[in-house]
Each structure stands twice: as structure tokens, then as C-alpha cells.
Amino acid sequence: MATAKKPAVRNGFKTNEHIVYPAHGVGQIVAIEEQEIAGMKLELYVIVFEKDKMTLRVPMAKAEQVGMRKLAEDDTVEKALEIIKGRARVKRTMWSRRAQEYEAKINSGDLVAISEVVRDLHRASSQPEQSYSERQLYEAALDRMAREISAVSKITETEAIRRIEDSLNKSPRRVAARGDAAEADVADEAEDDEAEAA
């Protein structure tokens, strides 16, 4: 009689569990292996990132150091969806500096920080076109956010993207853009000037 293989649990992570690896997003632990490297025995998490067709072996001792974490809780997902309804907060610094900050937020693996990038770089159809690099960062942030929401809520990535876009479209600024866009922009600029003066 065959016995069902119980998922192995090490350091709070178990096989078949979805996790977030900051530099690559959502992956699944498919196995926990032991390997001998340079005469030392190492226990490794074998993580598969299906969408990227990539497998990563992470030494257990390094998992915490690299920021590997469990999926976000439902309330964190709700907080992230709430953040993207807010007004974009774009600093008036050079694009290269802002791009570095956005990239750092995306690679932090923090769902809330990633949602801030989605909010700040989202463009409604009535707004000016994005540059290529803005679009790349926006797509990367949207993809990371959708993958995690999809895994947490057990829905497809397409459904997760729809949820994100629904939240983005509820933003007061986007609603205003569909109405009297010029008036909304003047109000936004006045708010920005007040914020800078404060």
C-alpha cells in the first residue's frame, strides 16, 4: 500500500507552498534537497518560477537573508488594492533616480511597495504616453502584483489583473480624467505645490 508523501517542512516553509522570492516574484517550493557542496552538507529549497521557466535552489540558511517570504495575507492584498486607488506620488527628481527607486521597490518583494509603483506609473487612456522605460517598470510591477494576488486569492493572473485595473479605475484622479481632465490637473498641480511648500 502506497503512503501519501507528507510535505516536508523546514524553517516554516514547506514543499508545494507558494512563496515570494524578492528578485523573481512568486514561485513554488517543489522540493527540499540536501546537497554536498565543497564538503559541506546544505539543505536547499528547490523553487520553480513557472512563468519564467526557471528553477532556483536556495540554501535554507540564506532564505531569510534574501527576503524570501510567505505569500501576503488577504488584508495586505486589500491594502495594496486600496493604495493603487490613491493619487500618484511622483517626485520631481530625474527619471534615472526615480527609475532606480521604482526598481528597488519591485525587487523588494513587498506587495505594498510594488503597488505604489503600479499606482505611480499607471496611465489612463486619456493621459500622455509613457516612455519605454516607464512602461517596462509598470509592466514588471503589475506582473509581480498580479502573480501574488492570483496566488493568494486562488484566481487566474488574468482575473488578478482585472481586479487591479478595476481598483486603478476607481482612483479619484482617473475618474476626474474621464470627466473634466484639465480641471483635475490644475487641482493636482496646486496640491503638489502645497505639498512641496509644506
N, C-alpha and C. Protein backbone atom coordinates (compact mmCIF):
# COMPACT_ATOMS: atom_id res chain seq x y z
N MET A 1 0.84 -1.19 0.00
CA MET A 1 0.00 0.00 0.00
C MET A 1 0.88 1.25 0.00
N ALA A 2 0.65 2.15 -0.95
CA ALA A 2 1.46 3.37 -1.06
C ALA A 2 0.97 4.41 -0.06
N THR A 3 1.92 5.05 0.62
CA THR A 3 1.52 6.10 1.56
C THR A 3 1.72 7.45 0.88
N ALA A 4 0.79 8.37 1.16
CA ALA A 4 0.90 9.72 0.58
C ALA A 4 2.12 10.40 1.19
N LYS A 5 2.90 11.06 0.34
CA LYS A 5 4.11 11.72 0.81
C LYS A 5 3.71 13.03 1.50
N LYS A 6 4.06 13.12 2.77
CA LYS A 6 3.72 14.32 3.54
C LYS A 6 4.66 15.45 3.12
N PRO A 7 4.12 16.68 2.96
CA PRO A 7 5.01 17.78 2.57
C PRO A 7 6.09 18.00 3.63
N ALA A 8 7.31 18.16 3.18
CA ALA A 8 8.41 18.42 4.11
C ALA A 8 8.33 19.87 4.57
N VAL A 9 8.58 20.10 5.85
CA VAL A 9 8.54 21.46 6.39
C VAL A 9 9.92 21.78 6.97
N ARG A 10 10.50 22.90 6.55
CA ARG A 10 11.78 23.35 7.10
C ARG A 10 11.72 24.87 7.25
N ASN A 11 12.11 25.34 8.42
CA ASN A 11 12.16 26.79 8.69
C ASN A 11 10.84 27.49 8.36
N GLY A 12 9.73 26.81 8.58
CA GLY A 12 8.44 27.45 8.33
C GLY A 12 7.95 27.35 6.90
N PHE A 13 8.80 26.90 5.96
CA PHE A 13 8.37 26.74 4.57
C PHE A 13 8.18 25.26 4.29
N LYS A 14 7.22 24.94 3.45
CA LYS A 14 7.00 23.53 3.14
C LYS A 14 6.90 23.30 1.63
N THR A 15 7.09 22.06 1.22
CA THR A 15 7.01 21.74 -0.21
C THR A 15 5.58 21.99 -0.70
N ASN A 16 5.47 22.34 -1.96
CA ASN A 16 4.22 22.67 -2.66
C ASN A 16 3.64 24.03 -2.26
N GLU A 17 4.33 24.73 -1.37
CA GLU A 17 3.85 26.04 -0.93
C GLU A 17 4.33 27.12 -1.91
N HIS A 18 3.47 28.12 -2.17
CA HIS A 18 3.88 29.28 -2.97
C HIS A 18 4.54 30.28 -2.03
N ILE A 19 5.63 30.85 -2.50
CA ILE A 19 6.36 31.83 -1.69
C ILE A 19 6.69 33.02 -2.59
N VAL A 20 7.23 34.08 -1.98
CA VAL A 20 7.70 35.24 -2.75
C VAL A 20 9.20 35.33 -2.56
N TYR A 21 9.91 35.30 -3.67
CA TYR A 21 11.36 35.49 -3.67
C TYR A 21 11.57 36.88 -4.26
N PRO A 22 12.04 37.86 -3.46
CA PRO A 22 12.05 39.26 -3.91
C PRO A 22 12.54 39.53 -5.33
N ALA A 23 13.64 38.92 -5.72
CA ALA A 23 14.19 39.25 -7.04
C ALA A 23 13.40 38.64 -8.20
N HIS A 24 12.55 37.64 -7.92
CA HIS A 24 11.85 36.96 -9.02
C HIS A 24 10.34 36.88 -8.87
N GLY A 25 9.81 37.25 -7.70
CA GLY A 25 8.36 37.21 -7.50
C GLY A 25 7.89 35.87 -6.95
N VAL A 26 6.66 35.48 -7.36
CA VAL A 26 6.03 34.29 -6.79
C VAL A 26 6.58 33.02 -7.43
N GLY A 27 6.98 32.08 -6.57
CA GLY A 27 7.45 30.78 -7.03
C GLY A 27 6.85 29.70 -6.15
N GLN A 28 7.09 28.45 -6.49
CA GLN A 28 6.57 27.35 -5.69
C GLN A 28 7.71 26.45 -5.26
N ILE A 29 7.73 26.11 -3.96
CA ILE A 29 8.74 25.19 -3.45
C ILE A 29 8.30 23.79 -3.89
N VAL A 30 9.09 23.17 -4.75
CA VAL A 30 8.71 21.84 -5.25
C VAL A 30 9.43 20.72 -4.50
N ALA A 31 10.53 21.06 -3.83
CA ALA A 31 11.27 20.04 -3.09
C ALA A 31 12.22 20.70 -2.09
N ILE A 32 12.64 19.91 -1.13
CA ILE A 32 13.70 20.34 -0.22
C ILE A 32 14.79 19.28 -0.36
N GLU A 33 15.94 19.69 -0.86
CA GLU A 33 17.03 18.75 -1.17
C GLU A 33 18.20 18.95 -0.23
N GLU A 34 19.01 17.91 -0.16
CA GLU A 34 20.26 18.03 0.57
C GLU A 34 21.38 17.79 -0.44
N GLN A 35 22.33 18.71 -0.48
CA GLN A 35 23.45 18.56 -1.42
C GLN A 35 24.75 18.78 -0.67
N GLU A 36 25.80 18.15 -1.18
CA GLU A 36 27.11 18.37 -0.58
C GLU A 36 27.87 19.30 -1.50
N ILE A 37 28.24 20.45 -0.97
CA ILE A 37 28.98 21.44 -1.77
C ILE A 37 30.25 21.77 -1.00
N ALA A 38 31.40 21.57 -1.63
CA ALA A 38 32.71 21.82 -1.02
C ALA A 38 32.83 21.15 0.35
N GLY A 39 32.37 19.88 0.41
CA GLY A 39 32.50 19.12 1.64
C GLY A 39 31.49 19.47 2.73
N MET A 40 30.58 20.41 2.43
CA MET A 40 29.57 20.78 3.43
C MET A 40 28.19 20.33 2.96
N LYS A 41 27.40 19.83 3.90
CA LYS A 41 26.04 19.44 3.56
C LYS A 41 25.14 20.68 3.65
N LEU A 42 24.40 20.90 2.59
CA LEU A 42 23.49 22.05 2.56
C LEU A 42 22.08 21.59 2.28
N GLU A 43 21.12 22.17 2.99
CA GLU A 43 19.72 21.90 2.69
C GLU A 43 19.24 23.06 1.81
N LEU A 44 18.61 22.69 0.72
CA LEU A 44 18.19 23.69 -0.27
C LEU A 44 16.69 23.61 -0.56
N TYR A 45 16.08 24.78 -0.70
CA TYR A 45 14.70 24.83 -1.21
C TYR A 45 14.82 24.83 -2.73
N VAL A 46 14.06 23.98 -3.40
CA VAL A 46 14.02 23.99 -4.86
C VAL A 46 12.75 24.74 -5.24
N ILE A 47 12.94 25.92 -5.83
CA ILE A 47 11.80 26.79 -6.14
C ILE A 47 11.64 26.91 -7.65
N VAL A 48 10.42 26.68 -8.11
CA VAL A 48 10.14 26.78 -9.55
C VAL A 48 9.32 28.04 -9.80
N PHE A 49 9.78 28.83 -10.78
CA PHE A 49 9.05 30.01 -11.23
C PHE A 49 8.53 29.63 -12.61
N GLU A 50 7.30 29.11 -12.62
CA GLU A 50 6.75 28.51 -13.84
C GLU A 50 6.71 29.49 -15.01
N LYS A 51 6.23 30.72 -14.74
CA LYS A 51 6.07 31.68 -15.83
C LYS A 51 7.42 32.01 -16.48
N ASP A 52 8.48 32.06 -15.67
CA ASP A 52 9.80 32.39 -16.19
C ASP A 52 10.57 31.15 -16.64
N LYS A 53 9.95 29.97 -16.48
CA LYS A 53 10.60 28.69 -16.81
C LYS A 53 11.99 28.63 -16.16
N MET A 54 11.99 28.84 -14.82
CA MET A 54 13.25 28.92 -14.10
C MET A 54 13.15 28.13 -12.80
N THR A 55 14.23 27.47 -12.43
CA THR A 55 14.30 26.76 -11.15
C THR A 55 15.46 27.35 -10.37
N LEU A 56 15.21 27.60 -9.10
CA LEU A 56 16.22 28.20 -8.24
C LEU A 56 16.43 27.29 -7.04
N ARG A 57 17.68 27.11 -6.64
CA ARG A 57 17.97 26.35 -5.42
C ARG A 57 18.51 27.34 -4.40
N VAL A 58 17.76 27.51 -3.32
CA VAL A 58 18.12 28.50 -2.31
C VAL A 58 18.53 27.79 -1.02
N PRO A 59 19.78 28.00 -0.57
CA PRO A 59 20.19 27.40 0.70
C PRO A 59 19.28 27.89 1.82
N MET A 60 18.84 26.96 2.67
CA MET A 60 17.92 27.33 3.75
C MET A 60 18.45 28.48 4.59
N ALA A 61 19.75 28.45 4.87
CA ALA A 61 20.34 29.49 5.70
C ALA A 61 20.25 30.87 5.05
N LYS A 62 20.15 30.91 3.73
CA LYS A 62 20.12 32.20 3.01
C LYS A 62 18.70 32.70 2.76
N ALA A 63 17.70 31.83 2.94
CA ALA A 63 16.31 32.20 2.61
C ALA A 63 15.87 33.49 3.28
N GLU A 64 16.15 33.58 4.58
CA GLU A 64 15.73 34.79 5.31
C GLU A 64 16.54 36.00 4.85
N GLN A 65 17.83 35.78 4.67
CA GLN A 65 18.74 36.85 4.25
C GLN A 65 18.31 37.48 2.93
N VAL A 66 17.86 36.66 1.97
CA VAL A 66 17.46 37.21 0.66
C VAL A 66 16.02 37.74 0.69
N GLY A 67 15.34 37.58 1.84
CA GLY A 67 14.00 38.13 1.97
C GLY A 67 12.88 37.23 1.48
N MET A 68 13.18 35.93 1.32
CA MET A 68 12.12 35.00 0.90
C MET A 68 11.03 35.02 1.96
N ARG A 69 9.77 35.07 1.53
CA ARG A 69 8.68 35.14 2.50
C ARG A 69 7.46 34.37 2.01
N LYS A 70 6.54 34.16 2.95
CA LYS A 70 5.28 33.53 2.60
C LYS A 70 4.44 34.54 1.81
N LEU A 71 3.40 34.06 1.13
CA LEU A 71 2.50 34.96 0.41
C LEU A 71 1.88 35.95 1.38
N ALA A 72 1.49 37.10 0.86
CA ALA A 72 0.84 38.12 1.69
C ALA A 72 -0.50 37.60 2.21
N GLU A 73 -0.93 38.16 3.33
CA GLU A 73 -2.24 37.83 3.88
C GLU A 73 -3.29 38.61 3.08
N ASP A 74 -4.56 38.20 3.20
CA ASP A 74 -5.65 38.87 2.49
C ASP A 74 -5.71 40.37 2.80
N ASP A 75 -5.46 40.75 4.07
CA ASP A 75 -5.57 42.18 4.41
C ASP A 75 -4.46 42.99 3.73
N THR A 76 -3.30 42.37 3.50
CA THR A 76 -2.22 43.07 2.78
C THR A 76 -2.61 43.26 1.32
N VAL A 77 -3.27 42.26 0.74
CA VAL A 77 -3.75 42.37 -0.64
C VAL A 77 -4.75 43.51 -0.73
N GLU A 78 -5.68 43.58 0.24
CA GLU A 78 -6.69 44.67 0.23
C GLU A 78 -6.01 46.02 0.37
N LYS A 79 -4.98 46.10 1.24
CA LYS A 79 -4.25 47.36 1.44
C LYS A 79 -3.58 47.78 0.12
N ALA A 80 -2.97 46.81 -0.58
CA ALA A 80 -2.30 47.10 -1.85
C ALA A 80 -3.31 47.60 -2.89
N LEU A 81 -4.48 46.97 -2.93
CA LEU A 81 -5.53 47.39 -3.89
C LEU A 81 -6.07 48.77 -3.53
N GLU A 82 -6.05 49.10 -2.23
CA GLU A 82 -6.50 50.42 -1.78
C GLU A 82 -5.47 51.48 -2.18
N ILE A 83 -4.18 51.14 -2.05
CA ILE A 83 -3.10 52.08 -2.38
C ILE A 83 -3.19 52.51 -3.84
N ILE A 84 -3.48 51.56 -4.74
CA ILE A 84 -3.49 51.93 -6.17
C ILE A 84 -4.70 52.78 -6.55
N LYS A 85 -5.65 52.94 -5.61
CA LYS A 85 -6.77 53.85 -5.87
C LYS A 85 -6.35 55.29 -5.57
N GLY A 86 -5.25 55.44 -4.85
CA GLY A 86 -4.80 56.78 -4.43
C GLY A 86 -4.17 57.57 -5.58
N ARG A 87 -3.83 58.82 -5.25
CA ARG A 87 -3.20 59.68 -6.24
C ARG A 87 -1.74 59.30 -6.42
N ALA A 88 -1.28 59.35 -7.65
CA ALA A 88 0.13 59.05 -7.93
C ALA A 88 1.00 60.06 -7.18
N ARG A 89 2.06 59.54 -6.56
CA ARG A 89 3.00 60.43 -5.87
C ARG A 89 4.32 60.37 -6.62
N VAL A 90 4.47 61.30 -7.53
CA VAL A 90 5.68 61.28 -8.35
C VAL A 90 6.61 62.40 -7.90
N LYS A 91 7.80 62.01 -7.47
CA LYS A 91 8.79 63.00 -7.02
C LYS A 91 9.31 63.75 -8.24
N ARG A 92 9.66 64.99 -8.02
CA ARG A 92 10.21 65.77 -9.13
C ARG A 92 11.73 65.65 -9.14
N THR A 93 12.19 64.44 -9.36
CA THR A 93 13.63 64.21 -9.46
C THR A 93 13.87 63.65 -10.86
N MET A 94 15.14 63.51 -11.21
CA MET A 94 15.45 62.98 -12.54
C MET A 94 14.87 61.59 -12.69
N TRP A 95 14.48 61.27 -13.93
CA TRP A 95 13.86 59.96 -14.18
C TRP A 95 14.78 58.82 -13.75
N SER A 96 16.09 58.94 -14.01
CA SER A 96 17.00 57.83 -13.69
C SER A 96 16.97 57.52 -12.19
N ARG A 97 16.89 58.56 -11.35
CA ARG A 97 16.82 58.34 -9.90
C ARG A 97 15.49 57.70 -9.53
N ARG A 98 14.39 58.19 -10.10
CA ARG A 98 13.07 57.62 -9.82
C ARG A 98 13.01 56.17 -10.29
N ALA A 99 13.57 55.91 -11.47
CA ALA A 99 13.56 54.55 -12.02
C ALA A 99 14.28 53.59 -11.07
N GLN A 100 15.40 54.03 -10.50
CA GLN A 100 16.14 53.19 -9.54
C GLN A 100 15.29 52.90 -8.31
N GLU A 101 14.58 53.93 -7.84
CA GLU A 101 13.72 53.75 -6.66
C GLU A 101 12.59 52.77 -6.97
N TYR A 102 11.99 52.91 -8.16
CA TYR A 102 10.90 52.00 -8.55
C TYR A 102 11.41 50.57 -8.65
N GLU A 103 12.60 50.42 -9.23
CA GLU A 103 13.18 49.08 -9.40
C GLU A 103 13.46 48.45 -8.04
N ALA A 104 13.97 49.27 -7.11
CA ALA A 104 14.26 48.77 -5.76
C ALA A 104 12.96 48.31 -5.09
N LYS A 105 11.88 49.07 -5.29
CA LYS A 105 10.59 48.67 -4.69
C LYS A 105 10.09 47.36 -5.30
N ILE A 106 10.22 47.23 -6.62
CA ILE A 106 9.77 46.00 -7.29
C ILE A 106 10.57 44.81 -6.77
N ASN A 107 11.90 44.98 -6.66
CA ASN A 107 12.77 43.88 -6.23
C ASN A 107 12.76 43.64 -4.72
N SER A 108 12.06 44.52 -3.98
CA SER A 108 11.97 44.31 -2.53
C SER A 108 11.05 43.12 -2.25
N GLY A 109 10.15 42.82 -3.20
CA GLY A 109 9.21 41.73 -3.00
C GLY A 109 8.06 42.12 -2.09
N ASP A 110 8.04 43.38 -1.63
CA ASP A 110 6.99 43.87 -0.73
C ASP A 110 5.78 44.29 -1.56
N LEU A 111 4.65 43.58 -1.37
CA LEU A 111 3.45 43.83 -2.17
C LEU A 111 2.98 45.29 -2.09
N VAL A 112 3.07 45.88 -0.90
CA VAL A 112 2.63 47.27 -0.72
C VAL A 112 3.53 48.23 -1.52
N ALA A 113 4.85 48.02 -1.46
CA ALA A 113 5.79 48.86 -2.22
C ALA A 113 5.56 48.69 -3.72
N ILE A 114 5.31 47.45 -4.16
CA ILE A 114 5.06 47.19 -5.58
C ILE A 114 3.78 47.89 -6.03
N SER A 115 2.76 47.89 -5.17
CA SER A 115 1.50 48.55 -5.52
C SER A 115 1.70 50.06 -5.68
N GLU A 116 2.65 50.64 -4.92
CA GLU A 116 2.95 52.08 -5.06
C GLU A 116 3.52 52.37 -6.44
N VAL A 117 4.35 51.44 -6.96
CA VAL A 117 4.92 51.61 -8.30
C VAL A 117 3.81 51.54 -9.35
N VAL A 118 2.90 50.57 -9.19
CA VAL A 118 1.78 50.43 -10.12
C VAL A 118 0.96 51.72 -10.13
N ARG A 119 0.66 52.23 -8.92
CA ARG A 119 -0.13 53.47 -8.80
C ARG A 119 0.59 54.65 -9.48
N ASP A 120 1.88 54.81 -9.19
CA ASP A 120 2.62 55.98 -9.69
C ASP A 120 2.87 55.94 -11.19
N LEU A 121 2.98 54.74 -11.77
CA LEU A 121 3.31 54.65 -13.20
C LEU A 121 2.11 54.35 -14.10
N HIS A 122 0.94 54.12 -13.51
CA HIS A 122 -0.24 53.81 -14.34
C HIS A 122 -0.66 55.03 -15.15
N ARG A 123 -1.01 54.79 -16.39
CA ARG A 123 -1.50 55.86 -17.27
C ARG A 123 -2.88 55.50 -17.77
N ALA A 124 -3.84 56.39 -17.57
CA ALA A 124 -5.18 56.19 -18.13
C ALA A 124 -5.09 56.48 -19.62
N SER A 125 -6.05 55.98 -20.39
CA SER A 125 -6.00 56.17 -21.85
C SER A 125 -6.01 57.65 -22.22
N SER A 126 -6.55 58.50 -21.33
CA SER A 126 -6.62 59.94 -21.64
C SER A 126 -5.32 60.68 -21.30
N GLN A 127 -4.39 59.97 -20.66
CA GLN A 127 -3.13 60.62 -20.24
C GLN A 127 -2.05 60.42 -21.29
N PRO A 128 -0.99 61.26 -21.22
CA PRO A 128 0.10 61.13 -22.21
C PRO A 128 0.76 59.76 -22.17
N GLU A 129 1.34 59.36 -23.29
CA GLU A 129 2.02 58.06 -23.41
C GLU A 129 3.20 57.97 -22.46
N GLN A 130 3.52 56.75 -22.06
CA GLN A 130 4.68 56.52 -21.21
C GLN A 130 5.92 56.32 -22.08
N SER A 131 7.07 56.60 -21.48
CA SER A 131 8.31 56.29 -22.17
C SER A 131 8.49 54.77 -22.11
N TYR A 132 9.40 54.26 -22.90
CA TYR A 132 9.63 52.81 -22.93
C TYR A 132 10.04 52.29 -21.55
N SER A 133 10.96 53.00 -20.88
CA SER A 133 11.44 52.51 -19.58
C SER A 133 10.35 52.60 -18.51
N GLU A 134 9.49 53.62 -18.58
CA GLU A 134 8.37 53.71 -17.64
C GLU A 134 7.43 52.53 -17.84
N ARG A 135 7.15 52.24 -19.11
CA ARG A 135 6.24 51.15 -19.45
C ARG A 135 6.81 49.81 -18.94
N GLN A 136 8.14 49.61 -19.13
CA GLN A 136 8.79 48.37 -18.68
C GLN A 136 8.63 48.19 -17.17
N LEU A 137 8.89 49.26 -16.41
CA LEU A 137 8.79 49.18 -14.95
C LEU A 137 7.34 48.96 -14.52
N TYR A 138 6.42 49.64 -15.19
CA TYR A 138 5.00 49.47 -14.87
C TYR A 138 4.57 48.02 -15.10
N GLU A 139 4.96 47.48 -16.27
CA GLU A 139 4.60 46.08 -16.60
C GLU A 139 5.19 45.11 -15.58
N ALA A 140 6.45 45.35 -15.17
CA ALA A 140 7.11 44.46 -14.20
C ALA A 140 6.38 44.51 -12.86
N ALA A 141 6.02 45.72 -12.42
CA ALA A 141 5.31 45.87 -11.14
C ALA A 141 3.92 45.24 -11.21
N LEU A 142 3.22 45.48 -12.31
CA LEU A 142 1.88 44.93 -12.49
C LEU A 142 1.93 43.40 -12.49
N ASP A 143 2.93 42.85 -13.18
CA ASP A 143 3.09 41.39 -13.26
C ASP A 143 3.34 40.80 -11.87
N ARG A 144 4.26 41.42 -11.10
CA ARG A 144 4.57 40.92 -9.75
C ARG A 144 3.32 40.97 -8.87
N MET A 145 2.61 42.11 -8.95
CA MET A 145 1.43 42.30 -8.12
C MET A 145 0.35 41.27 -8.50
N ALA A 146 0.13 41.10 -9.79
CA ALA A 146 -0.90 40.16 -10.27
C ALA A 146 -0.57 38.73 -9.86
N ARG A 147 0.71 38.34 -9.98
CA ARG A 147 1.09 36.97 -9.62
C ARG A 147 0.81 36.67 -8.16
N GLU A 148 1.13 37.65 -7.29
CA GLU A 148 0.90 37.40 -5.87
C GLU A 148 -0.59 37.39 -5.54
N ILE A 149 -1.34 38.34 -6.08
CA ILE A 149 -2.79 38.37 -5.81
C ILE A 149 -3.44 37.10 -6.34
N SER A 150 -2.98 36.65 -7.50
CA SER A 150 -3.50 35.42 -8.10
C SER A 150 -3.26 34.23 -7.16
N ALA A 151 -2.05 34.13 -6.61
CA ALA A 151 -1.70 33.01 -5.72
C ALA A 151 -2.44 33.10 -4.38
N VAL A 152 -2.56 34.32 -3.84
CA VAL A 152 -3.23 34.49 -2.54
C VAL A 152 -4.72 34.22 -2.67
N SER A 153 -5.34 34.80 -3.72
CA SER A 153 -6.80 34.71 -3.88
C SER A 153 -7.23 33.46 -4.65
N LYS A 154 -6.25 32.67 -5.09
CA LYS A 154 -6.52 31.46 -5.87
C LYS A 154 -7.41 31.76 -7.08
N ILE A 155 -6.98 32.78 -7.85
CA ILE A 155 -7.65 33.15 -9.10
C ILE A 155 -6.59 33.17 -10.18
N THR A 156 -7.00 33.27 -11.45
CA THR A 156 -6.00 33.31 -12.53
C THR A 156 -5.32 34.68 -12.54
N GLU A 157 -4.17 34.74 -13.19
CA GLU A 157 -3.47 36.03 -13.30
C GLU A 157 -4.32 37.04 -14.06
N THR A 158 -5.05 36.58 -15.06
CA THR A 158 -5.92 37.47 -15.84
C THR A 158 -6.97 38.09 -14.92
N GLU A 159 -7.56 37.27 -14.04
CA GLU A 159 -8.55 37.80 -13.09
C GLU A 159 -7.91 38.76 -12.11
N ALA A 160 -6.67 38.46 -11.70
CA ALA A 160 -5.95 39.34 -10.77
C ALA A 160 -5.69 40.69 -11.43
N ILE A 161 -5.27 40.67 -12.70
CA ILE A 161 -5.02 41.92 -13.42
C ILE A 161 -6.32 42.72 -13.53
N ARG A 162 -7.44 42.03 -13.79
CA ARG A 162 -8.74 42.71 -13.87
C ARG A 162 -9.07 43.38 -12.54
N ARG A 163 -8.78 42.68 -11.43
CA ARG A 163 -9.02 43.28 -10.10
C ARG A 163 -8.18 44.53 -9.89
N ILE A 164 -6.91 44.46 -10.31
CA ILE A 164 -6.00 45.60 -10.16
C ILE A 164 -6.51 46.76 -11.02
N GLU A 165 -6.86 46.46 -12.28
CA GLU A 165 -7.34 47.53 -13.18
C GLU A 165 -8.64 48.15 -12.68
N ASP A 166 -9.52 47.33 -12.09
CA ASP A 166 -10.76 47.88 -11.51
C ASP A 166 -10.42 48.88 -10.41
N SER A 167 -9.44 48.52 -9.56
CA SER A 167 -9.03 49.43 -8.48
C SER A 167 -8.40 50.70 -9.05
N LEU A 168 -7.55 50.54 -10.06
CA LEU A 168 -6.91 51.71 -10.68
C LEU A 168 -7.96 52.66 -11.26
N ASN A 169 -9.00 52.09 -11.86
CA ASN A 169 -10.04 52.92 -12.47
C ASN A 169 -10.94 53.61 -11.45
N LYS A 170 -10.85 53.17 -10.18
CA LYS A 170 -11.65 53.81 -9.12
C LYS A 170 -10.88 54.98 -8.50
N SER A 171 -9.65 55.19 -8.94
CA SER A 171 -8.85 56.28 -8.41
C SER A 171 -9.53 57.61 -8.70
N PRO A 172 -9.59 58.54 -7.72
CA PRO A 172 -10.25 59.83 -7.94
C PRO A 172 -9.65 60.56 -9.14
N ARG A 173 -8.35 60.44 -9.31
CA ARG A 173 -7.69 61.13 -10.42
C ARG A 173 -8.15 60.57 -11.76
N ARG A 174 -8.29 59.23 -11.85
CA ARG A 174 -8.72 58.63 -13.11
C ARG A 174 -10.17 58.96 -13.40
N VAL A 175 -11.00 59.00 -12.33
CA VAL A 175 -12.41 59.35 -12.51
C VAL A 175 -12.47 60.78 -13.03
N ALA A 176 -11.65 61.67 -12.45
CA ALA A 176 -11.61 63.06 -12.89
C ALA A 176 -11.13 63.16 -14.34
N ALA A 177 -10.15 62.31 -14.69
CA ALA A 177 -9.60 62.34 -16.06
C ALA A 177 -10.67 61.99 -17.08
N ARG A 178 -11.62 61.15 -16.66
CA ARG A 178 -12.70 60.81 -17.59
C ARG A 178 -13.70 61.95 -17.70
N GLY A 179 -13.74 62.82 -16.64
CA GLY A 179 -14.65 63.96 -16.65
C GLY A 179 -13.92 65.16 -17.22
N ASP A 180 -13.74 66.19 -16.39
CA ASP A 180 -13.05 67.40 -16.85
C ASP A 180 -11.57 67.28 -16.51
N ALA A 181 -10.81 66.73 -17.43
CA ALA A 181 -9.39 66.41 -17.19
C ALA A 181 -8.57 67.64 -16.85
N ALA A 182 -8.78 68.74 -17.57
CA ALA A 182 -7.97 69.95 -17.37
C ALA A 182 -8.14 70.46 -15.95
N GLU A 183 -9.37 70.48 -15.46
CA GLU A 183 -9.66 70.98 -14.12
C GLU A 183 -8.96 70.12 -13.06
N ALA A 184 -9.01 68.81 -13.25
CA ALA A 184 -8.38 67.87 -12.31
C ALA A 184 -6.87 68.09 -12.26
N ASP A 185 -6.25 68.31 -13.43
CA ASP A 185 -4.80 68.51 -13.46
C ASP A 185 -4.40 69.78 -12.74
N VAL A 186 -5.19 70.85 -12.91
CA VAL A 186 -4.89 72.11 -12.23
C VAL A 186 -4.97 71.89 -10.72
N ALA A 187 -6.00 71.15 -10.28
CA ALA A 187 -6.15 70.86 -8.85
C ALA A 187 -4.97 70.02 -8.36
N ASP A 188 -4.54 69.03 -9.16
CA ASP A 188 -3.40 68.19 -8.78
C ASP A 188 -2.13 69.02 -8.64
N GLU A 189 -1.91 69.94 -9.62
CA GLU A 189 -0.70 70.76 -9.56
C GLU A 189 -0.72 71.64 -8.32
N ALA A 190 -1.89 72.20 -8.00
CA ALA A 190 -2.00 73.05 -6.81
C ALA A 190 -1.67 72.21 -5.56
N GLU A 191 -2.18 70.98 -5.51
CA GLU A 191 -1.89 70.09 -4.36
C GLU A 191 -0.40 69.80 -4.29
N ASP A 192 0.22 69.51 -5.45
CA ASP A 192 1.66 69.22 -5.49
C ASP A 192 2.46 70.40 -4.96
N ASP A 193 2.07 71.63 -5.40
CA ASP A 193 2.78 72.83 -4.96
C ASP A 193 2.64 73.02 -3.45
N GLU A 194 1.42 72.76 -2.91
CA GLU A 194 1.19 72.86 -1.47
C GLU A 194 2.07 71.86 -0.73
N ALA A 195 2.12 70.63 -1.24
CA ALA A 195 2.91 69.57 -0.60
C ALA A 195 4.39 69.95 -0.57
N GLU A 196 4.88 70.56 -1.67
CA GLU A 196 6.30 70.93 -1.74
C GLU A 196 6.59 72.09 -0.78
N ALA A 197 5.62 73.01 -0.63
CA ALA A 197 5.81 74.15 0.25
C ALA A 197 5.85 73.72 1.71
N ALA A 198 5.11 72.62 2.01
CA ALA A 198 5.00 72.15 3.42
C ALA A 198 6.28 71.53 3.90
